[in-house]
Amino acid sequence: MAATIDKRQTKQDTGYHDRRLARRLQEDPEFRAEFERQQREIAAIDAIVNRLDALREEHGMSKADLARAIDKNPAAIRRLLTASGNPELRTVVAMAEALGAEVQIVPKSSHRQAKPRKASRRVRQAV
């Protein structure tokens, strides 16, 4: 007997936690700001890891080859390139170096440059 699908139920039940998250995002501006900050952080980490993986493929290296090049356990590199996580900066830099790349921080054009801070009163008096 074939299962029938009710066409009125096109939306899946999101579950208790998803409903609670949606409610908190609507009701709590501080929670929403922190949630969005963390989403941006995760996206930035994912972009870096994805770019390193693309460079690895462009160089024709396996994940094990890359691991050996930076003296890391191949399982750790496989996890880093396939699972979400927060890799150590040292590992990211080593991977970039092994792939002939470098890690750079590029200011966003929408952010104003920080103004130089005035020397504190104590420092001015000491000079």
Protein backbone atom coordinates (compact mmCIF):
# COMPACT_ATOMS: atom_id res chain seq x y z
CA MET A 1 0.00 0.00 0.00
CA ALA A 2 1.48 3.33 -1.04
CA ALA A 3 1.70 6.10 1.50
CA THR A 4 -0.37 9.15 0.71
CA ILE A 5 0.90 12.64 1.34
CA ASP A 6 -1.48 15.32 2.54
CA LYS A 7 -0.81 18.26 0.23
CA ARG A 8 -1.98 20.68 2.92
CA GLN A 9 1.03 19.67 5.08
CA THR A 10 3.75 21.12 2.88
CA LYS A 11 5.43 22.81 5.84
CA GLN A 12 7.35 20.62 8.27
CA ASP A 13 6.90 21.05 11.99
CA THR A 14 9.98 23.00 13.02
CA GLY A 15 10.05 21.57 16.49
CA TYR A 16 10.06 23.14 19.90
CA HIS A 17 13.61 24.51 19.76
CA ASP A 18 13.15 26.16 16.36
CA ARG A 19 9.91 27.79 17.51
CA ARG A 20 11.59 28.97 20.72
CA LEU A 21 14.54 30.36 18.75
CA ALA A 22 12.21 32.19 16.38
CA ARG A 23 10.30 33.68 19.31
CA ARG A 24 13.49 34.82 21.10
CA LEU A 25 14.82 36.38 17.91
CA GLN A 26 11.64 38.41 17.60
CA GLU A 27 11.28 39.36 21.26
CA ASP A 28 14.85 39.93 22.47
CA PRO A 29 16.98 42.45 20.54
CA GLU A 30 20.15 41.64 22.52
CA PHE A 31 19.72 37.92 21.85
CA ARG A 32 19.10 38.64 18.16
CA ALA A 33 22.23 40.81 17.90
CA GLU A 34 24.39 38.11 19.51
CA PHE A 35 22.81 35.40 17.35
CA GLU A 36 23.49 37.40 14.19
CA ARG A 37 27.09 38.12 15.31
CA GLN A 38 27.70 34.42 15.83
CA GLN A 39 26.13 33.60 12.45
CA ARG A 40 28.56 36.04 10.77
CA GLU A 41 31.47 34.49 12.69
CA ILE A 42 30.50 30.98 11.58
CA ALA A 43 30.09 32.14 7.98
CA ALA A 44 33.55 33.74 8.01
CA ILE A 45 35.17 30.58 9.40
CA ASP A 46 33.34 28.44 6.85
CA ALA A 47 34.48 30.71 4.01
CA ILE A 48 38.13 30.40 5.09
CA VAL A 49 37.95 26.61 5.45
CA ASN A 50 36.12 26.26 2.12
CA ARG A 51 38.75 28.38 0.37
CA LEU A 52 41.57 26.31 1.88
CA ASP A 53 39.84 23.13 0.71
CA ALA A 54 39.45 24.57 -2.81
CA LEU A 55 43.16 25.48 -2.84
CA ARG A 56 44.01 21.95 -1.72
CA GLU A 57 42.03 20.54 -4.65
CA GLU A 58 43.63 23.03 -7.09
CA HIS A 59 47.06 21.81 -5.93
CA GLY A 60 46.00 18.20 -6.46
CA MET A 61 46.65 17.34 -2.84
CA SER A 62 44.67 14.84 -0.83
CA LYS A 63 43.65 15.74 2.69
CA ALA A 64 46.26 13.26 3.93
CA ASP A 65 48.93 14.94 1.76
CA LEU A 66 48.05 18.31 3.26
CA ALA A 67 48.12 16.84 6.77
CA ARG A 68 51.61 15.42 6.18
CA ALA A 69 52.79 18.76 4.74
CA ILE A 70 51.88 20.55 7.97
CA ASP A 71 52.73 17.68 10.33
CA LYS A 72 49.14 17.11 11.48
CA ASN A 73 47.06 13.98 11.92
CA PRO A 74 45.15 13.28 8.66
CA ALA A 75 41.94 12.64 10.63
CA ALA A 76 42.17 16.12 12.17
CA ILE A 77 42.49 17.73 8.73
CA ARG A 78 39.59 15.67 7.36
CA ARG A 79 37.45 16.82 10.30
CA LEU A 80 38.53 20.43 9.85
CA LEU A 81 37.63 20.40 6.15
CA THR A 82 34.35 18.50 6.44
CA ALA A 83 32.76 19.36 9.80
CA SER A 84 31.77 22.70 11.18
CA GLY A 85 34.07 23.87 13.89
CA ASN A 86 36.49 26.55 14.92
CA PRO A 87 39.99 25.64 13.69
CA GLU A 88 43.07 26.94 15.43
CA LEU A 89 44.53 29.94 13.69
CA ARG A 90 47.95 28.25 13.76
CA THR A 91 46.52 25.35 11.73
CA VAL A 92 44.83 27.70 9.24
CA VAL A 93 48.10 29.60 8.72
CA ALA A 94 50.07 26.35 8.31
CA MET A 95 47.56 25.05 5.75
CA ALA A 96 47.67 28.31 3.81
CA GLU A 97 51.47 28.24 3.82
CA ALA A 98 51.55 24.64 2.57
CA LEU A 99 49.19 25.65 -0.25
CA GLY A 100 51.23 28.68 -1.27
CA ALA A 101 48.74 31.16 0.17
CA GLU A 102 48.64 33.56 3.10
CA VAL A 103 46.02 34.60 5.59
CA GLN A 104 45.15 38.30 5.48
CA ILE A 105 42.74 40.54 7.32
CA VAL A 106 41.03 42.96 4.96
CA PRO A 107 38.97 45.82 6.43
CA LYS A 108 35.42 46.07 5.19
CA SER A 109 34.82 49.18 3.12
CA SER A 110 31.69 49.98 5.13
CA HIS A 111 33.62 50.32 8.39
CA ARG A 112 35.28 53.61 9.18
CA GLN A 113 38.88 53.50 10.20
CA ALA A 114 39.40 53.85 13.90
CA LYS A 115 40.57 57.27 14.97
CA PRO A 116 43.88 57.32 16.81
CA ARG A 117 43.28 57.50 20.53
CA LYS A 118 44.61 60.42 22.48
CA ALA A 119 47.34 59.62 24.95
CA SER A 120 46.06 59.25 28.45
CA ARG A 121 46.65 62.07 30.90
CA ARG A 122 49.20 60.00 32.80
CA VAL A 123 51.23 59.31 29.63
CA ARG A 124 51.17 62.98 28.55
CA GLN A 125 52.41 64.09 31.96
CA ALA A 126 55.21 61.54 31.95
CA VAL A 127 56.58 62.80 28.62
